[in-house]
N, C-alpha and C. Protein backbone atom coordinates (compact mmCIF):
# COMPACT_ATOMS: atom_id res chain seq x y z
N MET A 1 0.84 -1.17 0.00
CA MET A 1 0.00 0.00 0.00
C MET A 1 0.89 1.24 0.00
N VAL A 2 0.59 2.18 -0.86
CA VAL A 2 1.36 3.40 -0.96
C VAL A 2 0.71 4.44 -0.06
N SER A 3 1.45 4.93 0.90
CA SER A 3 0.93 5.93 1.83
C SER A 3 0.97 7.31 1.18
N PRO A 4 0.19 8.25 1.71
CA PRO A 4 0.26 9.62 1.17
C PRO A 4 1.68 10.19 1.25
N ALA A 5 2.42 9.86 2.30
CA ALA A 5 3.80 10.35 2.43
C ALA A 5 4.68 9.77 1.32
N GLN A 6 4.49 8.47 1.01
CA GLN A 6 5.27 7.86 -0.06
C GLN A 6 4.92 8.48 -1.41
N LEU A 7 3.63 8.75 -1.63
CA LEU A 7 3.20 9.36 -2.88
C LEU A 7 3.80 10.76 -3.01
N LEU A 8 3.81 11.52 -1.92
CA LEU A 8 4.43 12.84 -1.94
C LEU A 8 5.92 12.72 -2.26
N PHE A 9 6.58 11.74 -1.65
CA PHE A 9 8.00 11.52 -1.91
C PHE A 9 8.23 11.22 -3.39
N ILE A 10 7.40 10.34 -3.97
CA ILE A 10 7.52 10.00 -5.39
C ILE A 10 7.36 11.26 -6.24
N SER A 11 6.37 12.09 -5.90
CA SER A 11 6.13 13.32 -6.66
C SER A 11 7.32 14.25 -6.59
N VAL A 12 7.89 14.40 -5.39
CA VAL A 12 9.05 15.28 -5.23
C VAL A 12 10.24 14.74 -6.01
N VAL A 13 10.46 13.42 -5.96
CA VAL A 13 11.56 12.82 -6.69
C VAL A 13 11.39 13.06 -8.19
N VAL A 14 10.18 12.88 -8.68
CA VAL A 14 9.93 13.11 -10.11
C VAL A 14 10.26 14.56 -10.46
N LEU A 15 9.82 15.50 -9.63
CA LEU A 15 10.08 16.91 -9.91
C LEU A 15 11.57 17.23 -9.85
N LEU A 16 12.28 16.66 -8.90
CA LEU A 16 13.70 16.96 -8.73
C LEU A 16 14.59 16.25 -9.74
N CYS A 17 14.17 15.08 -10.21
CA CYS A 17 15.02 14.27 -11.08
C CYS A 17 14.66 14.37 -12.55
N VAL A 18 13.74 15.26 -12.89
CA VAL A 18 13.29 15.34 -14.27
C VAL A 18 14.43 15.81 -15.17
N LYS A 19 14.83 14.91 -16.07
CA LYS A 19 15.80 15.23 -17.12
C LYS A 19 15.21 14.63 -18.38
N PHE A 20 15.26 15.36 -19.46
CA PHE A 20 14.47 14.98 -20.60
C PHE A 20 15.26 14.54 -21.82
N VAL A 21 14.62 13.69 -22.59
CA VAL A 21 15.20 13.15 -23.80
C VAL A 21 15.59 14.27 -24.76
N HIS A 22 14.69 15.21 -24.98
CA HIS A 22 14.93 16.28 -25.95
C HIS A 22 15.71 17.44 -25.36
N GLY A 23 15.68 17.59 -24.04
CA GLY A 23 16.52 18.54 -23.35
C GLY A 23 16.15 20.01 -23.50
N SER A 24 15.13 20.37 -24.22
CA SER A 24 14.83 21.78 -24.38
C SER A 24 14.20 22.33 -23.11
N ASP A 25 14.39 23.63 -22.90
CA ASP A 25 13.78 24.29 -21.74
C ASP A 25 12.26 24.20 -21.82
N GLN A 26 11.71 24.26 -23.03
CA GLN A 26 10.26 24.20 -23.19
C GLN A 26 9.73 22.82 -22.81
N VAL A 27 10.42 21.77 -23.20
CA VAL A 27 9.99 20.41 -22.83
C VAL A 27 10.09 20.25 -21.32
N LEU A 28 11.17 20.75 -20.74
CA LEU A 28 11.34 20.70 -19.29
C LEU A 28 10.18 21.41 -18.60
N GLU A 29 9.84 22.58 -19.06
CA GLU A 29 8.74 23.35 -18.47
C GLU A 29 7.41 22.61 -18.63
N PHE A 30 7.19 22.01 -19.80
CA PHE A 30 5.96 21.25 -20.04
C PHE A 30 5.81 20.11 -19.03
N HIS A 31 6.90 19.37 -18.80
CA HIS A 31 6.83 18.26 -17.86
C HIS A 31 6.73 18.74 -16.42
N LYS A 32 7.34 19.86 -16.09
CA LYS A 32 7.17 20.43 -14.75
C LYS A 32 5.71 20.80 -14.52
N LEU A 33 5.08 21.40 -15.54
CA LEU A 33 3.66 21.75 -15.42
C LEU A 33 2.81 20.50 -15.26
N ALA A 34 3.15 19.45 -15.99
CA ALA A 34 2.39 18.21 -15.90
C ALA A 34 2.50 17.59 -14.51
N ALA A 35 3.68 17.69 -13.89
CA ALA A 35 3.91 17.09 -12.58
C ALA A 35 3.39 17.96 -11.44
N ALA A 36 3.21 19.24 -11.67
CA ALA A 36 2.78 20.16 -10.61
C ALA A 36 1.34 19.89 -10.21
N GLU A 37 1.00 20.24 -8.99
CA GLU A 37 -0.35 20.01 -8.49
C GLU A 37 -1.39 20.87 -9.20
N GLY A 38 -1.07 22.12 -9.48
CA GLY A 38 -2.04 23.01 -10.11
C GLY A 38 -2.22 22.70 -11.59
N PHE A 39 -3.13 23.43 -12.22
CA PHE A 39 -3.36 23.19 -13.65
C PHE A 39 -3.56 24.52 -14.35
N SER A 40 -2.69 24.80 -15.28
CA SER A 40 -2.79 25.99 -16.10
C SER A 40 -2.90 25.56 -17.55
N ARG A 41 -4.14 25.49 -18.02
CA ARG A 41 -4.39 25.09 -19.41
C ARG A 41 -3.66 26.03 -20.37
N SER A 42 -3.69 27.33 -20.08
CA SER A 42 -3.08 28.28 -21.02
C SER A 42 -1.57 28.11 -21.08
N GLU A 43 -0.91 27.86 -19.94
CA GLU A 43 0.54 27.65 -19.97
C GLU A 43 0.90 26.38 -20.75
N MET A 44 0.16 25.31 -20.52
CA MET A 44 0.44 24.07 -21.24
C MET A 44 0.19 24.26 -22.73
N GLN A 45 -0.91 24.94 -23.07
CA GLN A 45 -1.25 25.17 -24.48
C GLN A 45 -0.19 26.03 -25.15
N ASP A 46 0.31 27.04 -24.45
CA ASP A 46 1.37 27.90 -25.02
C ASP A 46 2.59 27.05 -25.37
N LEU A 47 2.96 26.13 -24.49
CA LEU A 47 4.12 25.28 -24.76
C LEU A 47 3.86 24.33 -25.92
N LEU A 48 2.66 23.78 -26.00
CA LEU A 48 2.33 22.92 -27.15
C LEU A 48 2.34 23.73 -28.44
N ASP A 49 1.81 24.95 -28.37
CA ASP A 49 1.80 25.83 -29.55
C ASP A 49 3.21 26.19 -29.99
N SER A 50 4.16 26.21 -29.05
CA SER A 50 5.54 26.55 -29.39
C SER A 50 6.30 25.36 -29.99
N GLY A 51 5.64 24.22 -30.09
CA GLY A 51 6.26 23.07 -30.73
C GLY A 51 6.60 21.90 -29.83
N VAL A 52 6.31 22.00 -28.54
CA VAL A 52 6.56 20.86 -27.65
C VAL A 52 5.62 19.73 -28.04
N ASN A 53 6.15 18.54 -28.19
CA ASN A 53 5.36 17.37 -28.56
C ASN A 53 4.67 16.82 -27.32
N VAL A 54 3.36 16.67 -27.39
CA VAL A 54 2.59 16.17 -26.25
C VAL A 54 3.05 14.77 -25.85
N GLN A 55 3.69 14.05 -26.77
CA GLN A 55 4.18 12.70 -26.48
C GLN A 55 5.62 12.70 -25.95
N SER A 56 6.22 13.86 -25.73
CA SER A 56 7.61 13.90 -25.25
C SER A 56 7.73 13.16 -23.92
N LEU A 57 8.92 12.61 -23.71
CA LEU A 57 9.15 11.75 -22.55
C LEU A 57 10.27 12.28 -21.68
N THR A 58 10.18 11.96 -20.40
CA THR A 58 11.28 12.23 -19.49
C THR A 58 12.38 11.21 -19.74
N ARG A 59 13.50 11.40 -19.13
CA ARG A 59 14.61 10.45 -19.25
C ARG A 59 14.17 9.06 -18.77
N ASP A 60 13.23 9.02 -17.85
CA ASP A 60 12.72 7.75 -17.32
C ASP A 60 11.66 7.13 -18.22
N GLY A 61 11.31 7.81 -19.31
CA GLY A 61 10.32 7.28 -20.24
C GLY A 61 8.89 7.59 -19.85
N GLU A 62 8.70 8.55 -18.96
CA GLU A 62 7.34 8.93 -18.56
C GLU A 62 6.85 10.08 -19.42
N SER A 63 5.58 10.02 -19.76
CA SER A 63 4.95 11.10 -20.51
C SER A 63 4.38 12.12 -19.52
N ALA A 64 3.92 13.23 -20.06
CA ALA A 64 3.25 14.23 -19.22
C ALA A 64 2.03 13.62 -18.54
N LEU A 65 1.37 12.68 -19.22
CA LEU A 65 0.20 12.03 -18.63
C LEU A 65 0.59 11.18 -17.42
N HIS A 66 1.71 10.47 -17.49
CA HIS A 66 2.20 9.74 -16.32
C HIS A 66 2.35 10.70 -15.14
N LEU A 67 2.99 11.83 -15.41
CA LEU A 67 3.27 12.80 -14.34
C LEU A 67 1.99 13.38 -13.76
N ALA A 68 1.01 13.67 -14.61
CA ALA A 68 -0.27 14.19 -14.13
C ALA A 68 -1.01 13.14 -13.30
N CYS A 69 -0.88 11.88 -13.70
CA CYS A 69 -1.57 10.80 -13.00
C CYS A 69 -0.98 10.54 -11.61
N ILE A 70 0.30 10.79 -11.43
CA ILE A 70 0.90 10.60 -10.11
C ILE A 70 0.18 11.46 -9.07
N ASN A 71 -0.19 12.69 -9.46
CA ASN A 71 -0.92 13.57 -8.55
C ASN A 71 -2.43 13.44 -8.66
N GLY A 72 -2.91 12.70 -9.65
CA GLY A 72 -4.35 12.51 -9.80
C GLY A 72 -5.10 13.76 -10.24
N ASN A 73 -4.45 14.62 -11.00
CA ASN A 73 -5.05 15.87 -11.44
C ASN A 73 -5.99 15.62 -12.62
N VAL A 74 -7.29 15.53 -12.32
CA VAL A 74 -8.30 15.15 -13.32
C VAL A 74 -8.35 16.13 -14.49
N GLY A 75 -8.33 17.42 -14.22
CA GLY A 75 -8.38 18.41 -15.30
C GLY A 75 -7.21 18.26 -16.25
N LYS A 76 -6.03 18.07 -15.70
CA LYS A 76 -4.82 17.91 -16.51
C LYS A 76 -4.87 16.60 -17.28
N ILE A 77 -5.34 15.54 -16.65
CA ILE A 77 -5.45 14.23 -17.31
C ILE A 77 -6.38 14.33 -18.52
N LYS A 78 -7.54 14.92 -18.33
CA LYS A 78 -8.49 15.06 -19.43
C LYS A 78 -7.91 15.91 -20.55
N TYR A 79 -7.23 16.99 -20.19
CA TYR A 79 -6.63 17.88 -21.18
C TYR A 79 -5.57 17.13 -21.99
N LEU A 80 -4.68 16.42 -21.32
CA LEU A 80 -3.61 15.70 -22.02
C LEU A 80 -4.16 14.59 -22.91
N LEU A 81 -5.18 13.90 -22.45
CA LEU A 81 -5.82 12.88 -23.29
C LEU A 81 -6.44 13.53 -24.52
N GLN A 82 -7.12 14.65 -24.32
CA GLN A 82 -7.74 15.38 -25.44
C GLN A 82 -6.69 15.83 -26.44
N LYS A 83 -5.51 16.19 -25.97
CA LYS A 83 -4.43 16.65 -26.84
C LYS A 83 -3.67 15.50 -27.50
N GLY A 84 -4.04 14.26 -27.18
CA GLY A 84 -3.45 13.12 -27.86
C GLY A 84 -2.36 12.39 -27.11
N CYS A 85 -2.17 12.69 -25.84
CA CYS A 85 -1.18 11.97 -25.05
C CYS A 85 -1.64 10.52 -24.91
N SER A 86 -0.76 9.58 -25.14
CA SER A 86 -1.12 8.16 -25.14
C SER A 86 -1.53 7.67 -23.76
N ALA A 87 -2.73 7.10 -23.69
CA ALA A 87 -3.25 6.55 -22.43
C ALA A 87 -2.52 5.28 -22.03
N ASN A 88 -1.87 4.62 -22.97
CA ASN A 88 -1.27 3.31 -22.69
C ASN A 88 0.25 3.31 -22.76
N ARG A 89 0.85 4.47 -22.82
CA ARG A 89 2.31 4.58 -22.88
C ARG A 89 2.92 3.96 -21.61
N ARG A 90 3.93 3.16 -21.81
CA ARG A 90 4.61 2.53 -20.68
C ARG A 90 5.89 3.28 -20.35
N ALA A 91 6.11 3.52 -19.07
CA ALA A 91 7.39 4.08 -18.62
C ALA A 91 8.35 2.90 -18.56
N ASN A 92 9.35 2.90 -19.44
CA ASN A 92 10.18 1.70 -19.54
C ASN A 92 11.65 1.96 -19.84
N LYS A 93 12.11 3.17 -19.62
CA LYS A 93 13.51 3.45 -19.94
C LYS A 93 14.48 2.98 -18.87
N LEU A 94 14.00 2.83 -17.65
CA LEU A 94 14.84 2.35 -16.54
C LEU A 94 14.30 1.01 -16.06
N ALA A 95 15.16 0.19 -15.51
CA ALA A 95 14.71 -1.10 -14.98
C ALA A 95 13.68 -0.90 -13.87
N THR A 96 13.78 0.19 -13.13
CA THR A 96 12.85 0.45 -12.03
C THR A 96 11.53 1.05 -12.50
N SER A 97 11.38 1.31 -13.79
CA SER A 97 10.14 1.90 -14.30
C SER A 97 8.97 0.92 -14.30
N LEU A 98 9.24 -0.36 -14.37
CA LEU A 98 8.24 -1.43 -14.26
C LEU A 98 7.16 -1.40 -15.34
N HIS A 99 7.40 -0.67 -16.41
CA HIS A 99 6.45 -0.61 -17.53
C HIS A 99 5.09 -0.06 -17.10
N MET A 100 5.12 0.84 -16.13
CA MET A 100 3.88 1.41 -15.60
C MET A 100 3.18 2.26 -16.65
N THR A 101 1.86 2.26 -16.61
CA THR A 101 1.03 3.08 -17.49
C THR A 101 0.46 4.24 -16.67
N PRO A 102 -0.06 5.27 -17.33
CA PRO A 102 -0.70 6.34 -16.57
C PRO A 102 -1.81 5.82 -15.64
N LEU A 103 -2.62 4.90 -16.13
CA LEU A 103 -3.69 4.35 -15.29
C LEU A 103 -3.14 3.69 -14.03
N THR A 104 -2.07 2.92 -14.16
CA THR A 104 -1.54 2.24 -12.98
C THR A 104 -0.99 3.25 -11.97
N TRP A 105 -0.44 4.39 -12.44
CA TRP A 105 -0.01 5.43 -11.51
C TRP A 105 -1.21 6.02 -10.77
N CYS A 106 -2.32 6.26 -11.48
CA CYS A 106 -3.54 6.77 -10.82
C CYS A 106 -3.98 5.82 -9.71
N ILE A 107 -3.93 4.53 -10.00
CA ILE A 107 -4.41 3.54 -9.04
C ILE A 107 -3.48 3.46 -7.84
N TYR A 108 -2.17 3.41 -8.06
CA TYR A 108 -1.24 3.37 -6.92
C TYR A 108 -1.46 4.56 -5.99
N GLY A 109 -1.83 5.71 -6.55
CA GLY A 109 -2.08 6.89 -5.73
C GLY A 109 -3.46 6.90 -5.08
N GLY A 110 -4.32 5.93 -5.45
CA GLY A 110 -5.67 5.89 -4.90
C GLY A 110 -6.55 7.03 -5.41
N HIS A 111 -6.25 7.53 -6.60
CA HIS A 111 -6.97 8.68 -7.18
C HIS A 111 -8.20 8.20 -7.97
N THR A 112 -9.29 8.00 -7.27
CA THR A 112 -10.50 7.45 -7.88
C THR A 112 -11.01 8.31 -9.03
N ALA A 113 -11.10 9.61 -8.83
CA ALA A 113 -11.61 10.49 -9.90
C ALA A 113 -10.69 10.44 -11.12
N ALA A 114 -9.40 10.34 -10.90
CA ALA A 114 -8.45 10.24 -12.02
C ALA A 114 -8.63 8.92 -12.75
N VAL A 115 -8.86 7.85 -12.01
CA VAL A 115 -9.12 6.55 -12.64
C VAL A 115 -10.38 6.65 -13.51
N LYS A 116 -11.41 7.29 -13.00
CA LYS A 116 -12.64 7.48 -13.79
C LYS A 116 -12.34 8.23 -15.09
N ALA A 117 -11.50 9.27 -15.00
CA ALA A 117 -11.15 10.05 -16.20
C ALA A 117 -10.40 9.18 -17.20
N MET A 118 -9.50 8.36 -16.71
CA MET A 118 -8.75 7.47 -17.60
C MET A 118 -9.68 6.43 -18.24
N LEU A 119 -10.58 5.86 -17.45
CA LEU A 119 -11.49 4.84 -17.98
C LEU A 119 -12.49 5.43 -18.98
N ALA A 120 -12.78 6.73 -18.86
CA ALA A 120 -13.69 7.38 -19.80
C ALA A 120 -13.04 7.56 -21.18
N ASP A 121 -11.72 7.48 -21.23
CA ASP A 121 -11.02 7.60 -22.50
C ASP A 121 -11.12 6.27 -23.26
N LYS A 122 -11.62 6.31 -24.47
CA LYS A 122 -11.87 5.08 -25.24
C LYS A 122 -10.60 4.28 -25.54
N ASP A 123 -9.45 4.94 -25.49
CA ASP A 123 -8.19 4.24 -25.82
C ASP A 123 -7.50 3.58 -24.63
N THR A 124 -7.96 3.86 -23.42
CA THR A 124 -7.31 3.30 -22.24
C THR A 124 -7.55 1.79 -22.17
N ASP A 125 -6.46 1.04 -22.10
CA ASP A 125 -6.53 -0.41 -21.96
C ASP A 125 -6.31 -0.73 -20.48
N LEU A 126 -7.38 -1.08 -19.78
CA LEU A 126 -7.26 -1.32 -18.35
C LEU A 126 -6.67 -2.68 -18.02
N ASN A 127 -6.43 -3.52 -19.00
CA ASN A 127 -5.88 -4.84 -18.75
C ASN A 127 -4.43 -5.01 -19.23
N LEU A 128 -3.71 -3.91 -19.35
CA LEU A 128 -2.29 -4.02 -19.68
C LEU A 128 -1.55 -4.59 -18.47
N VAL A 129 -0.59 -5.42 -18.74
CA VAL A 129 0.20 -6.05 -17.69
C VAL A 129 1.44 -5.19 -17.42
N VAL A 130 1.71 -4.94 -16.14
CA VAL A 130 2.92 -4.22 -15.73
C VAL A 130 3.71 -5.11 -14.78
N GLN A 131 4.93 -4.69 -14.48
CA GLN A 131 5.77 -5.50 -13.61
C GLN A 131 5.63 -5.08 -12.15
N GLN A 132 5.95 -6.01 -11.28
CA GLN A 132 6.05 -5.72 -9.85
C GLN A 132 7.53 -5.57 -9.49
N GLU A 133 7.77 -5.02 -8.33
CA GLU A 133 9.14 -4.83 -7.87
C GLU A 133 9.88 -6.17 -7.77
N ASP A 134 9.15 -7.25 -7.48
CA ASP A 134 9.78 -8.57 -7.31
C ASP A 134 9.95 -9.32 -8.63
N GLY A 135 9.62 -8.67 -9.76
CA GLY A 135 9.77 -9.29 -11.06
C GLY A 135 8.51 -9.98 -11.56
N GLY A 136 7.49 -10.08 -10.72
CA GLY A 136 6.22 -10.68 -11.14
C GLY A 136 5.42 -9.69 -11.98
N TYR A 137 4.21 -10.09 -12.33
CA TYR A 137 3.36 -9.29 -13.18
C TYR A 137 2.02 -9.04 -12.52
N ILE A 138 1.46 -7.84 -12.79
CA ILE A 138 0.15 -7.47 -12.25
C ILE A 138 -0.58 -6.59 -13.26
N THR A 139 -1.86 -6.42 -13.01
CA THR A 139 -2.69 -5.53 -13.82
C THR A 139 -3.22 -4.42 -12.93
N ALA A 140 -3.95 -3.49 -13.53
CA ALA A 140 -4.57 -2.40 -12.78
C ALA A 140 -5.47 -2.96 -11.67
N THR A 141 -6.22 -4.01 -11.97
CA THR A 141 -7.11 -4.61 -10.97
C THR A 141 -6.31 -5.18 -9.81
N ASP A 142 -5.19 -5.81 -10.10
CA ASP A 142 -4.33 -6.33 -9.03
C ASP A 142 -3.80 -5.19 -8.16
N ILE A 143 -3.43 -4.08 -8.78
CA ILE A 143 -2.91 -2.94 -8.02
C ILE A 143 -3.99 -2.39 -7.10
N ALA A 144 -5.22 -2.29 -7.60
CA ALA A 144 -6.33 -1.80 -6.75
C ALA A 144 -6.51 -2.70 -5.53
N THR A 145 -6.31 -3.99 -5.69
CA THR A 145 -6.38 -4.91 -4.57
C THR A 145 -5.19 -4.71 -3.64
N LYS A 146 -4.02 -4.53 -4.23
CA LYS A 146 -2.78 -4.38 -3.47
C LYS A 146 -2.80 -3.18 -2.53
N ILE A 147 -3.48 -2.09 -2.92
CA ILE A 147 -3.48 -0.89 -2.09
C ILE A 147 -4.55 -0.93 -1.00
N GLY A 148 -5.26 -2.04 -0.90
CA GLY A 148 -6.18 -2.25 0.22
C GLY A 148 -7.44 -1.41 0.15
N ASP A 149 -7.88 -0.91 1.31
CA ASP A 149 -9.13 -0.17 1.40
C ASP A 149 -9.16 1.05 0.48
N MET A 150 -8.01 1.68 0.28
CA MET A 150 -7.92 2.84 -0.58
C MET A 150 -8.33 2.49 -2.02
N GLY A 151 -8.23 1.22 -2.39
CA GLY A 151 -8.53 0.81 -3.75
C GLY A 151 -9.88 0.15 -3.93
N GLU A 152 -10.70 0.09 -2.89
CA GLU A 152 -11.98 -0.63 -2.99
C GLU A 152 -12.89 -0.06 -4.07
N GLU A 153 -13.12 1.24 -4.08
CA GLU A 153 -14.00 1.83 -5.10
C GLU A 153 -13.37 1.69 -6.50
N ILE A 154 -12.06 1.85 -6.57
CA ILE A 154 -11.36 1.69 -7.85
C ILE A 154 -11.52 0.25 -8.35
N ARG A 155 -11.40 -0.71 -7.46
CA ARG A 155 -11.57 -2.12 -7.83
C ARG A 155 -12.97 -2.35 -8.42
N ARG A 156 -13.98 -1.76 -7.79
CA ARG A 156 -15.35 -1.89 -8.31
C ARG A 156 -15.46 -1.27 -9.72
N LEU A 157 -14.86 -0.10 -9.91
CA LEU A 157 -14.90 0.55 -11.23
C LEU A 157 -14.23 -0.32 -12.29
N LEU A 158 -13.08 -0.86 -11.95
CA LEU A 158 -12.34 -1.70 -12.90
C LEU A 158 -13.11 -2.97 -13.24
N ARG A 159 -13.68 -3.59 -12.24
CA ARG A 159 -14.45 -4.82 -12.50
C ARG A 159 -15.66 -4.53 -13.37
N ALA A 160 -16.32 -3.39 -13.12
CA ALA A 160 -17.48 -3.01 -13.93
C ALA A 160 -17.08 -2.77 -15.39
N ALA A 161 -15.82 -2.39 -15.61
CA ALA A 161 -15.31 -2.14 -16.97
C ALA A 161 -14.58 -3.36 -17.52
N ASP A 162 -14.78 -4.52 -16.93
CA ASP A 162 -14.15 -5.78 -17.33
C ASP A 162 -12.65 -5.84 -17.03
N GLY A 163 -12.27 -5.21 -15.94
CA GLY A 163 -10.88 -5.31 -15.50
C GLY A 163 -10.57 -6.72 -15.01
N GLN A 164 -9.42 -7.22 -15.41
CA GLN A 164 -9.02 -8.59 -15.08
C GLN A 164 -7.76 -8.57 -14.21
N THR A 165 -7.59 -9.59 -13.39
CA THR A 165 -6.34 -9.77 -12.67
C THR A 165 -5.34 -10.42 -13.62
N PHE A 166 -4.07 -10.38 -13.24
CA PHE A 166 -3.06 -11.05 -14.07
C PHE A 166 -3.36 -12.54 -14.19
N GLU A 167 -3.76 -13.16 -13.09
CA GLU A 167 -4.07 -14.60 -13.13
C GLU A 167 -5.22 -14.90 -14.09
N GLN A 168 -6.24 -14.05 -14.11
CA GLN A 168 -7.35 -14.24 -15.05
C GLN A 168 -6.86 -14.11 -16.49
N LEU A 169 -6.05 -13.10 -16.76
CA LEU A 169 -5.52 -12.93 -18.11
C LEU A 169 -4.61 -14.09 -18.50
N LYS A 170 -3.82 -14.54 -17.56
CA LYS A 170 -2.89 -15.64 -17.81
C LYS A 170 -3.66 -16.91 -18.22
N ARG A 171 -4.74 -17.20 -17.51
CA ARG A 171 -5.56 -18.37 -17.85
C ARG A 171 -6.25 -18.18 -19.20
N LYS A 172 -6.78 -17.00 -19.41
CA LYS A 172 -7.53 -16.71 -20.63
C LYS A 172 -6.65 -16.73 -21.88
N HIS A 173 -5.44 -16.16 -21.78
CA HIS A 173 -4.56 -16.02 -22.94
C HIS A 173 -3.38 -16.97 -22.94
N HIS A 174 -3.30 -17.83 -21.94
CA HIS A 174 -2.22 -18.82 -21.83
C HIS A 174 -0.84 -18.17 -21.88
N PHE A 175 -0.68 -17.08 -21.12
CA PHE A 175 0.61 -16.41 -21.05
C PHE A 175 1.67 -17.34 -20.47
N VAL A 176 2.85 -17.24 -21.01
CA VAL A 176 4.03 -17.87 -20.41
C VAL A 176 5.10 -16.78 -20.35
N VAL A 177 6.07 -16.95 -19.45
CA VAL A 177 7.11 -15.94 -19.33
C VAL A 177 7.76 -15.73 -20.69
N GLY A 178 7.91 -14.46 -21.06
CA GLY A 178 8.50 -14.12 -22.34
C GLY A 178 7.49 -13.90 -23.43
N SER A 179 6.20 -14.15 -23.14
CA SER A 179 5.19 -13.96 -24.19
C SER A 179 4.10 -12.99 -23.79
N ILE A 180 4.34 -12.21 -22.75
CA ILE A 180 3.33 -11.28 -22.28
C ILE A 180 3.42 -9.99 -23.11
N PRO A 181 2.33 -9.62 -23.77
CA PRO A 181 2.35 -8.44 -24.64
C PRO A 181 2.85 -7.19 -23.91
N GLY A 182 3.81 -6.50 -24.54
CA GLY A 182 4.34 -5.26 -23.99
C GLY A 182 5.42 -5.43 -22.95
N MET A 183 5.73 -6.65 -22.59
CA MET A 183 6.77 -6.91 -21.58
C MET A 183 8.04 -7.36 -22.25
N PRO A 184 9.18 -7.05 -21.65
CA PRO A 184 10.44 -7.48 -22.26
C PRO A 184 10.56 -9.01 -22.26
N HIS A 185 11.25 -9.53 -23.22
CA HIS A 185 11.41 -10.99 -23.34
C HIS A 185 12.70 -11.43 -22.73
């Protein structure tokens, strides 16, 4: 279970360690805005208008949507989805990234309203498999269970949208190690 203190720590680390693939000041500012708690549509739009790619990634492979989902900022999440930020982009540049998706970050934070915003997006795949710290595999539904009481309403939302556990997907699709879609072999 991720405590509010741990979530705050993760947010601070993301803000302090942000180094970007493209390295421009504008991309840096765009990702800082995405990670910040507040939401300034006009500032983000100005940066996009100046040529910043909404799909730009941090050095860790996180998109602006990943960063917005860490804080559960619903307005920012909806805006980034509307602007074409990928709902299913995996953070995968570092071994510790665990192939997390924006939705899985929302769930780890216990951000129910943010999960609803992600599920409302037609492109969000709620059954993508991500890695665990121990090398195992889980889905968004497994994460909602993992975070305990904080994830109860999220678990109900996911199940209503046909969210599956990793074990359910494994039985259904006959996954074997090395054949899980989107995971390294």
